[in-house]
């Protein structure tokens, strides 16, 4: 009984760390572009079945899988709200291409004078 009381804080800290670091795949996939429903769970499952994944990461993905599933379930309203968004909004590449089209960058580059460094020297 004394051991339980003595290590109670350590057990609480260990449980807090386990819960705080779980669902990593879900958190990482929800910070980027919209990837549909249950993206963290899919990422963990793909890591488990992928032959290119390291043997050291597979146990971590296995531990993370149920926590990511729970977190993905809690974030379903967020995923539903983002489902109607255009994927190009979340893509930096698509935003740059769209901005270049609006600014007519390619036309301006074609009309620009060549750099002096690229010109033949007399």
Protein backbone atom coordinates (compact mmCIF):
# COMPACT_ATOMS: atom_id res chain seq x y z
CA UNK A 1 0.00 0.00 0.00
CA UNK A 2 2.88 2.36 0.78
CA UNK A 3 4.40 1.65 -2.64
CA UNK A 4 1.18 2.69 -4.37
CA UNK A 5 1.02 5.93 -2.39
CA UNK A 6 4.73 6.56 -2.91
CA UNK A 7 4.61 6.10 -6.69
CA UNK A 8 1.17 7.61 -7.23
CA UNK A 9 2.60 10.80 -8.71
CA UNK A 10 4.90 8.85 -11.03
CA UNK A 11 1.96 6.73 -12.24
CA UNK A 12 -0.16 9.81 -12.81
CA UNK A 13 2.68 11.46 -14.73
CA UNK A 14 3.22 8.35 -16.86
CA UNK A 15 -0.50 8.11 -17.70
CA UNK A 16 -0.62 11.82 -18.54
CA UNK A 17 2.36 11.50 -20.86
CA UNK A 18 0.83 8.45 -22.55
CA UNK A 19 -2.47 10.20 -23.17
CA UNK A 20 -0.78 13.49 -24.15
CA UNK A 21 1.44 11.90 -26.77
CA UNK A 22 -1.15 9.55 -28.20
CA UNK A 23 -2.99 10.22 -31.41
CA UNK A 24 0.09 11.70 -33.04
CA UNK A 25 -0.95 10.62 -36.53
CA UNK A 26 -4.32 12.23 -36.09
CA UNK A 27 -2.87 15.50 -34.83
CA UNK A 28 -0.31 15.68 -37.64
CA UNK A 29 -2.86 14.95 -40.35
CA UNK A 30 -5.32 17.53 -39.02
CA UNK A 31 -2.78 20.36 -39.04
CA UNK A 32 -2.27 20.18 -42.81
CA UNK A 33 -4.57 20.11 -45.76
CA UNK A 34 -7.94 18.41 -45.55
CA UNK A 35 -7.43 14.67 -46.06
CA UNK A 36 -10.97 13.40 -45.63
CA UNK A 37 -12.32 11.39 -42.75
CA UNK A 38 -10.15 9.44 -40.25
CA UNK A 39 -6.83 10.60 -41.74
CA UNK A 40 -4.75 9.76 -38.66
CA UNK A 41 -6.15 6.26 -38.42
CA UNK A 42 -5.48 5.70 -42.11
CA UNK A 43 -1.91 7.01 -41.73
CA UNK A 44 -1.19 4.64 -38.82
CA UNK A 45 -2.72 1.69 -40.65
CA UNK A 46 -0.73 2.47 -43.80
CA UNK A 47 2.45 2.63 -41.76
CA UNK A 48 1.70 -0.80 -40.30
CA UNK A 49 1.12 -2.38 -43.71
CA UNK A 50 3.86 -0.52 -45.61
CA UNK A 51 6.98 -2.55 -46.35
CA UNK A 52 9.07 0.64 -46.45
CA UNK A 53 8.30 1.53 -42.81
CA UNK A 54 11.03 0.97 -40.26
CA UNK A 55 10.71 -1.93 -37.88
CA UNK A 56 11.12 0.56 -35.02
CA UNK A 57 8.13 2.67 -36.13
CA UNK A 58 5.65 -0.17 -36.55
CA UNK A 59 5.16 -0.79 -32.79
CA UNK A 60 4.71 2.94 -32.24
CA UNK A 61 2.10 3.06 -35.01
CA UNK A 62 0.35 0.07 -33.42
CA UNK A 63 0.18 1.85 -30.06
CA UNK A 64 -0.93 5.07 -31.75
CA UNK A 65 -3.68 3.46 -33.86
CA UNK A 66 -6.47 3.22 -31.23
CA UNK A 67 -5.73 6.69 -29.86
CA UNK A 68 -5.78 8.17 -33.36
CA UNK A 69 -9.10 6.42 -34.02
CA UNK A 70 -10.60 7.99 -30.89
CA UNK A 71 -9.23 11.42 -31.72
CA UNK A 72 -10.39 11.14 -35.34
CA UNK A 73 -13.86 10.25 -34.08
CA UNK A 74 -13.87 13.32 -31.84
CA UNK A 75 -12.74 15.47 -34.78
CA UNK A 76 -15.42 14.17 -37.20
CA UNK A 77 -17.42 17.44 -37.00
CA UNK A 78 -14.25 19.35 -37.96
CA UNK A 79 -13.63 17.00 -40.88
CA UNK A 80 -17.26 17.29 -41.97
CA UNK A 81 -17.05 21.08 -41.85
CA UNK A 82 -13.87 21.05 -44.00
CA UNK A 83 -15.22 18.44 -46.45
CA UNK A 84 -16.83 21.07 -48.69
CA UNK A 85 -13.64 23.12 -48.94
CA UNK A 86 -11.66 23.11 -52.12
CA UNK A 87 -8.45 21.11 -51.72
CA UNK A 88 -6.59 23.84 -53.59
CA UNK A 89 -7.21 26.23 -50.69
CA UNK A 90 -5.10 24.06 -48.38
CA UNK A 91 -2.40 23.37 -50.94
CA UNK A 92 0.44 25.93 -50.94
CA UNK A 93 1.43 24.85 -54.46
CA UNK A 94 -2.08 25.42 -55.78
CA UNK A 95 -2.23 28.86 -54.12
CA UNK A 96 1.08 29.90 -55.71
CA UNK A 97 -0.02 28.69 -59.16
CA UNK A 98 -3.32 30.55 -58.81
CA UNK A 99 -1.53 33.72 -57.67
CA UNK A 100 0.88 33.50 -60.62
CA UNK A 101 -2.03 33.16 -63.04
CA UNK A 102 -3.75 36.20 -61.55
CA UNK A 103 -0.55 38.26 -61.71
CA UNK A 104 0.30 37.05 -65.24
CA UNK A 105 3.79 36.15 -64.04
CA UNK A 106 4.69 34.01 -67.03
CA UNK A 107 3.86 36.80 -69.48
CA UNK A 108 5.91 39.31 -67.49
CA UNK A 109 8.86 36.96 -67.36
CA UNK A 110 8.72 36.46 -71.13
CA UNK A 111 8.83 40.22 -71.69
CA UNK A 112 11.61 40.89 -69.17
CA UNK A 113 15.07 41.83 -70.34
CA UNK A 114 17.75 39.20 -69.90
CA UNK A 115 19.99 39.54 -66.89
CA UNK A 116 23.36 41.17 -67.45
CA UNK A 117 25.09 38.12 -66.06
CA UNK A 118 23.61 36.01 -68.86
CA UNK A 119 24.44 38.49 -71.63
CA UNK A 120 27.53 37.94 -73.75
CA UNK A 121 30.44 40.17 -72.72
CA UNK A 122 32.10 42.38 -75.45
